[in-house]
C-alpha atoms as a PDB file:
ATOM      1  CA  UNK A   1    -119.027   3.622 -50.861  1.00  0.00           C
ATOM      2  CA  UNK A   2    -121.923   1.990 -52.668  1.00  0.00           C
ATOM      3  CA  UNK A   3    -123.774   3.963 -55.342  1.00  0.00           C
ATOM      4  CA  UNK A   4    -127.112   3.405 -57.010  1.00  0.00           C
ATOM      5  CA  UNK A   5    -125.905   4.579 -60.414  1.00  0.00           C
ATOM      6  CA  UNK A   6    -127.022   2.799 -63.532  1.00  0.00           C
ATOM      7  CA  UNK A   7    -124.425   1.999 -66.173  1.00  0.00           C
ATOM      8  CA  UNK A   8    -125.695   2.101 -69.758  1.00  0.00           C
ATOM      9  CA  UNK A   9    -123.643   0.109 -72.245  1.00  0.00           C
ATOM     10  CA  UNK A  10    -126.506   0.199 -74.740  1.00  0.00           C
ATOM     11  CA  UNK A  11    -124.940   3.125 -76.621  1.00  0.00           C
ATOM     12  CA  UNK A  12    -121.399   1.688 -76.879  1.00  0.00           C
ATOM     13  CA  UNK A  13    -121.811   0.839 -80.573  1.00  0.00           C
ATOM     14  CA  UNK A  14    -123.584   4.076 -81.565  1.00  0.00           C
ATOM     15  CA  UNK A  15    -122.321   5.452 -84.849  1.00  0.00           C
ATOM     16  CA  UNK A  16    -122.944   9.099 -83.964  1.00  0.00           C
ATOM     17  CA  UNK A  17    -121.271  10.799 -81.038  1.00  0.00           C
ATOM     18  CA  UNK A  18    -119.853  14.149 -80.009  1.00  0.00           C
ATOM     19  CA  UNK A  19    -116.472  14.802 -78.471  1.00  0.00           C
ATOM     20  CA  UNK A  20    -115.790  17.492 -75.881  1.00  0.00           C
ATOM     21  CA  UNK A  21    -112.442  18.750 -74.638  1.00  0.00           C
ATOM     22  CA  UNK A  22    -111.523  18.678 -70.941  1.00  0.00           C
ATOM     23  CA  UNK A  23    -113.141  21.671 -69.244  1.00  0.00           C
ATOM     24  CA  UNK A  24    -115.514  22.381 -72.135  1.00  0.00           C
ATOM     25  CA  UNK A  25    -119.096  23.204 -71.087  1.00  0.00           C
ATOM     26  CA  UNK A  26    -121.623  20.826 -72.661  1.00  0.00           C
ATOM     27  CA  UNK A  27    -124.731  22.734 -71.554  1.00  0.00           C
ATOM     28  CA  UNK A  28    -125.561  25.436 -69.030  1.00  0.00           C
ATOM     29  CA  UNK A  29    -128.034  25.743 -66.213  1.00  0.00           C
ATOM     30  CA  UNK A  30    -131.221  27.384 -67.528  1.00  0.00           C
ATOM     31  CA  UNK A  31    -130.685  26.431 -71.178  1.00  0.00           C
ATOM     32  CA  UNK A  32    -133.232  24.406 -73.151  1.00  0.00           C
ATOM     33  CA  UNK A  33    -132.561  20.685 -73.329  1.00  0.00           C
ATOM     34  CA  UNK A  34    -133.363  18.562 -76.361  1.00  0.00           C
ATOM     35  CA  UNK A  35    -130.926  15.704 -75.874  1.00  0.00           C
ATOM     36  CA  UNK A  36    -129.384  13.494 -73.235  1.00  0.00           C
ATOM     37  CA  UNK A  37    -125.811  12.266 -73.020  1.00  0.00           C
ATOM     38  CA  UNK A  38    -123.881   9.102 -72.150  1.00  0.00           C
ATOM     39  CA  UNK A  39    -120.253   9.371 -71.089  1.00  0.00           C
ATOM     40  CA  UNK A  40    -118.279   7.025 -73.333  1.00  0.00           C
ATOM     41  CA  UNK A  41    -114.855   7.976 -72.015  1.00  0.00           C
ATOM     42  CA  UNK A  42    -113.737  10.270 -69.211  1.00  0.00           C
ATOM     43  CA  UNK A  43    -115.851  12.112 -66.661  1.00  0.00           C
ATOM     44  CA  UNK A  44    -118.328  14.997 -66.585  1.00  0.00           C
ATOM     45  CA  UNK A  45    -118.844  17.287 -63.583  1.00  0.00           C
ATOM     46  CA  UNK A  46    -122.411  18.530 -63.050  1.00  0.00           C
ATOM     47  CA  UNK A  47    -122.539  21.901 -61.306  1.00  0.00           C
ATOM     48  CA  UNK A  48    -125.292  24.014 -59.790  1.00  0.00           C
ATOM     49  CA  UNK A  49    -124.411  27.679 -59.188  1.00  0.00           C
ATOM     50  CA  UNK A  50    -120.750  26.820 -59.823  1.00  0.00           C
ATOM     51  CA  UNK A  51    -120.571  24.086 -57.155  1.00  0.00           C
ATOM     52  CA  UNK A  52    -119.929  20.483 -58.242  1.00  0.00           C
ATOM     53  CA  UNK A  53    -123.015  18.403 -57.468  1.00  0.00           C
ATOM     54  CA  UNK A  54    -121.705  15.078 -58.794  1.00  0.00           C
ATOM     55  CA  UNK A  55    -119.299  13.571 -61.290  1.00  0.00           C
ATOM     56  CA  UNK A  56    -120.675  11.380 -64.074  1.00  0.00           C
ATOM     57  CA  UNK A  57    -118.459   8.421 -65.029  1.00  0.00           C
ATOM     58  CA  UNK A  58    -118.169   6.211 -68.133  1.00  0.00           C
ATOM     59  CA  UNK A  59    -121.423   4.529 -69.228  1.00  0.00           C
ATOM     60  CA  UNK A  60    -123.537   6.857 -67.066  1.00  0.00           C
ATOM     61  CA  UNK A  61    -126.157   9.223 -68.453  1.00  0.00           C
ATOM     62  CA  UNK A  62    -126.860  12.887 -67.789  1.00  0.00           C
ATOM     63  CA  UNK A  63    -129.117  15.576 -69.197  1.00  0.00           C
ATOM     64  CA  UNK A  64    -132.142  13.304 -69.405  1.00  0.00           C
ATOM     65  CA  UNK A  65    -134.270  15.316 -66.948  1.00  0.00           C
ATOM     66  CA  UNK A  66    -134.830  18.093 -69.503  1.00  0.00           C
ATOM     67  CA  UNK A  67    -136.384  15.457 -71.776  1.00  0.00           C
ATOM     68  CA  UNK A  68    -138.528  14.018 -69.006  1.00  0.00           C
ATOM     69  CA  UNK A  69    -139.899  17.181 -67.375  1.00  0.00           C
ATOM     70  CA  UNK A  70    -139.506  19.497 -70.408  1.00  0.00           C
ATOM     71  CA  UNK A  71    -138.025  22.212 -68.185  1.00  0.00           C
ATOM     72  CA  UNK A  72    -134.763  24.037 -68.742  1.00  0.00           C
ATOM     73  CA  UNK A  73    -131.486  22.466 -67.624  1.00  0.00           C
ATOM     74  CA  UNK A  74    -131.159  22.374 -63.844  1.00  0.00           C
ATOM     75  CA  UNK A  75    -127.349  22.183 -63.881  1.00  0.00           C
ATOM     76  CA  UNK A  76    -124.275  23.059 -65.936  1.00  0.00           C
END
């Protein structure tokens, strides 16, 4: 299956990063968003109303829409 996802290796050498444990919630639907994220290792499931919408893989971004449209987070 072909995807149109964009891989971002630009942040590979960033000196600041946060680590999350498996199953830990990074942000919740409806919360304010002031940052975006890049998956450096592992995967992140994005959920709407508890249902998995998509899975974000290494070098993919998520959370950027809150920065673009200045609305609350649309997913958990």
